[in-house]
Amino acid sequence: MATSANERVPTEQEGILHRVSRRDNNKRVASARSTTDVGTLLELSCECTRVECDRSVKVPLYVYRRMLEADQYLLQAGHHAFPQYRTIISVGLMRIEERG
């Protein structure tokens, strides 16, 4: 993919900072929910390292909490998920995957 002179390719460090920022924001959204809302769908940001990504993922609160405990990242399937990920939950268009 060619870039013009005005376009700058984000560094790996910027991608990591982007992921950390997304994760922190998602944690705030999840922690704002009470423990009785565990089945409620949350709209959370994709936790990829692509700085230009603005995708979101709807996921049940209890699933996101389990992903945090397992040190997994929330990635939008078909956009960022790779073959080494395996599906652990599939509900309609939502699919939760983990590293295989």
C-alpha atoms as a PDB file:
ATOM      1  CA  MET A   1       0.000   0.000   0.000  1.00  0.00           C
ATOM      2  CA  ALA A   2       1.558   3.264  -1.110  1.00  0.00           C
ATOM      3  CA  THR A   3       1.368   6.345   1.058  1.00  0.00           C
ATOM      4  CA  SER A   4       1.646   9.949   0.024  1.00  0.00           C
ATOM      5  CA  ALA A   5       4.293  12.265   1.425  1.00  0.00           C
ATOM      6  CA  ASN A   6       1.702  13.760   3.818  1.00  0.00           C
ATOM      7  CA  GLU A   7       0.624  10.419   5.278  1.00  0.00           C
ATOM      8  CA  ARG A   8       2.580   9.046   8.202  1.00  0.00           C
ATOM      9  CA  VAL A   9       2.577   5.374   9.125  1.00  0.00           C
ATOM     10  CA  PRO A  10       1.914   4.941  12.861  1.00  0.00           C
ATOM     11  CA  THR A  11       4.744   3.359  14.820  1.00  0.00           C
ATOM     12  CA  GLU A  12       4.405   0.087  16.716  1.00  0.00           C
ATOM     13  CA  GLN A  13       4.625   2.074  19.971  1.00  0.00           C
ATOM     14  CA  GLU A  14       1.680   4.268  18.890  1.00  0.00           C
ATOM     15  CA  GLY A  15      -0.307   1.110  18.131  1.00  0.00           C
ATOM     16  CA  ILE A  16       0.405  -0.260  21.594  1.00  0.00           C
ATOM     17  CA  LEU A  17      -0.589   3.044  23.202  1.00  0.00           C
ATOM     18  CA  HIS A  18      -3.801   2.972  21.150  1.00  0.00           C
ATOM     19  CA  ARG A  19      -4.580  -0.543  22.435  1.00  0.00           C
ATOM     20  CA  VAL A  20      -3.876   0.479  26.041  1.00  0.00           C
ATOM     21  CA  SER A  21      -6.137   3.514  25.688  1.00  0.00           C
ATOM     22  CA  ARG A  22      -8.951   1.391  24.222  1.00  0.00           C
ATOM     23  CA  ARG A  23      -8.537  -1.243  26.956  1.00  0.00           C
ATOM     24  CA  ASP A  24      -8.635   1.413  29.701  1.00  0.00           C
ATOM     25  CA  ASN A  25     -11.786   2.954  28.244  1.00  0.00           C
ATOM     26  CA  ASN A  26     -13.455  -0.463  27.903  1.00  0.00           C
ATOM     27  CA  LYS A  27     -12.586  -1.278  31.510  1.00  0.00           C
ATOM     28  CA  ARG A  28     -14.210   1.989  32.641  1.00  0.00           C
ATOM     29  CA  VAL A  29     -17.379   1.163  30.687  1.00  0.00           C
ATOM     30  CA  ALA A  30     -17.468  -2.370  32.117  1.00  0.00           C
ATOM     31  CA  SER A  31     -16.776  -1.275  35.694  1.00  0.00           C
ATOM     32  CA  ALA A  32     -19.607   1.274  35.520  1.00  0.00           C
ATOM     33  CA  ARG A  33     -22.061  -1.628  35.249  1.00  0.00           C
ATOM     34  CA  SER A  34     -23.322  -3.314  38.374  1.00  0.00           C
ATOM     35  CA  THR A  35     -22.636  -6.959  39.022  1.00  0.00           C
ATOM     36  CA  THR A  36     -26.316  -7.714  38.337  1.00  0.00           C
ATOM     37  CA  ASP A  37     -25.929  -6.512  34.711  1.00  0.00           C
ATOM     38  CA  VAL A  38     -23.559  -9.355  33.761  1.00  0.00           C
ATOM     39  CA  GLY A  39     -25.722 -10.548  30.845  1.00  0.00           C
ATOM     40  CA  THR A  40     -26.185  -7.070  29.402  1.00  0.00           C
ATOM     41  CA  LEU A  41     -24.528  -6.390  26.062  1.00  0.00           C
ATOM     42  CA  LEU A  42     -21.908  -3.638  26.176  1.00  0.00           C
ATOM     43  CA  GLU A  43     -20.687  -1.786  23.116  1.00  0.00           C
ATOM     44  CA  LEU A  44     -16.928  -1.710  23.539  1.00  0.00           C
ATOM     45  CA  SER A  45     -14.088  -0.518  21.340  1.00  0.00           C
ATOM     46  CA  CYS A  46     -12.000  -2.961  19.332  1.00  0.00           C
ATOM     47  CA  GLU A  47      -8.712  -3.439  21.224  1.00  0.00           C
ATOM     48  CA  CYS A  48      -6.450  -3.766  18.203  1.00  0.00           C
ATOM     49  CA  THR A  49      -3.208  -1.886  17.578  1.00  0.00           C
ATOM     50  CA  ARG A  50      -4.399  -0.139  14.410  1.00  0.00           C
ATOM     51  CA  VAL A  51      -4.456   3.551  15.306  1.00  0.00           C
ATOM     52  CA  GLU A  52      -7.024   4.321  12.592  1.00  0.00           C
ATOM     53  CA  CYS A  53      -9.494   1.658  13.840  1.00  0.00           C
ATOM     54  CA  ASP A  54     -12.838   2.971  15.039  1.00  0.00           C
ATOM     55  CA  ARG A  55     -14.685  -0.362  15.173  1.00  0.00           C
ATOM     56  CA  SER A  56     -16.749  -1.497  18.127  1.00  0.00           C
ATOM     57  CA  VAL A  57     -17.858  -4.891  19.394  1.00  0.00           C
ATOM     58  CA  LYS A  58     -20.981  -5.758  21.366  1.00  0.00           C
ATOM     59  CA  VAL A  59     -20.221  -8.298  24.053  1.00  0.00           C
ATOM     60  CA  PRO A  60     -21.894  -9.485  27.282  1.00  0.00           C
ATOM     61  CA  LEU A  61     -20.319  -8.008  30.396  1.00  0.00           C
ATOM     62  CA  TYR A  62     -19.531 -11.424  31.901  1.00  0.00           C
ATOM     63  CA  VAL A  63     -17.678 -12.447  28.722  1.00  0.00           C
ATOM     64  CA  TYR A  64     -15.597  -9.266  28.706  1.00  0.00           C
ATOM     65  CA  ARG A  65     -14.693  -9.790  32.355  1.00  0.00           C
ATOM     66  CA  ARG A  66     -13.555 -13.338  31.564  1.00  0.00           C
ATOM     67  CA  MET A  67     -11.488 -12.027  28.662  1.00  0.00           C
ATOM     68  CA  LEU A  68      -9.779  -9.567  31.015  1.00  0.00           C
ATOM     69  CA  GLU A  69      -9.033 -12.355  33.506  1.00  0.00           C
ATOM     70  CA  ALA A  70      -7.517 -14.453  30.689  1.00  0.00           C
ATOM     71  CA  ASP A  71      -5.495 -11.468  29.388  1.00  0.00           C
ATOM     72  CA  GLN A  72      -7.230 -11.632  25.997  1.00  0.00           C
ATOM     73  CA  TYR A  73      -7.954  -8.648  23.749  1.00  0.00           C
ATOM     74  CA  LEU A  74     -11.337  -7.792  22.302  1.00  0.00           C
ATOM     75  CA  LEU A  75     -10.950  -7.836  18.513  1.00  0.00           C
ATOM     76  CA  GLN A  76     -13.639  -7.505  15.901  1.00  0.00           C
ATOM     77  CA  ALA A  77     -13.812 -10.834  14.036  1.00  0.00           C
ATOM     78  CA  GLY A  78     -13.279 -10.622  10.300  1.00  0.00           C
ATOM     79  CA  HIS A  79     -11.518  -7.297  10.735  1.00  0.00           C
ATOM     80  CA  HIS A  80      -8.573  -8.098  12.980  1.00  0.00           C
ATOM     81  CA  ALA A  81      -8.921 -11.709  14.105  1.00  0.00           C
ATOM     82  CA  PHE A  82      -6.440 -14.110  12.581  1.00  0.00           C
ATOM     83  CA  PRO A  83      -6.524 -17.868  11.834  1.00  0.00           C
ATOM     84  CA  GLN A  84      -4.693 -18.646  15.090  1.00  0.00           C
ATOM     85  CA  TYR A  85      -7.759 -17.417  17.011  1.00  0.00           C
ATOM     86  CA  ARG A  86     -10.531 -19.856  17.817  1.00  0.00           C
ATOM     87  CA  THR A  87     -14.180 -19.038  18.379  1.00  0.00           C
ATOM     88  CA  ILE A  88     -15.338 -19.617  21.940  1.00  0.00           C
ATOM     89  CA  ILE A  89     -18.771 -17.959  21.720  1.00  0.00           C
ATOM     90  CA  SER A  90     -20.923 -17.227  18.693  1.00  0.00           C
ATOM     91  CA  VAL A  91     -24.270 -15.429  19.046  1.00  0.00           C
ATOM     92  CA  GLY A  92     -25.796 -14.132  15.829  1.00  0.00           C
ATOM     93  CA  LEU A  93     -23.242 -11.815  14.258  1.00  0.00           C
ATOM     94  CA  MET A  94     -21.181 -11.650  17.455  1.00  0.00           C
ATOM     95  CA  ARG A  95     -18.278 -14.041  17.816  1.00  0.00           C
ATOM     96  CA  ILE A  96     -15.862 -14.111  20.738  1.00  0.00           C
ATOM     97  CA  GLU A  97     -12.484 -15.634  19.956  1.00  0.00           C
ATOM     98  CA  GLU A  98      -9.312 -16.425  21.835  1.00  0.00           C
ATOM     99  CA  ARG A  99      -5.769 -17.074  20.798  1.00  0.00           C
ATOM    100  CA  GLY A 100      -5.268 -20.723  19.938  1.00  0.00           C
END
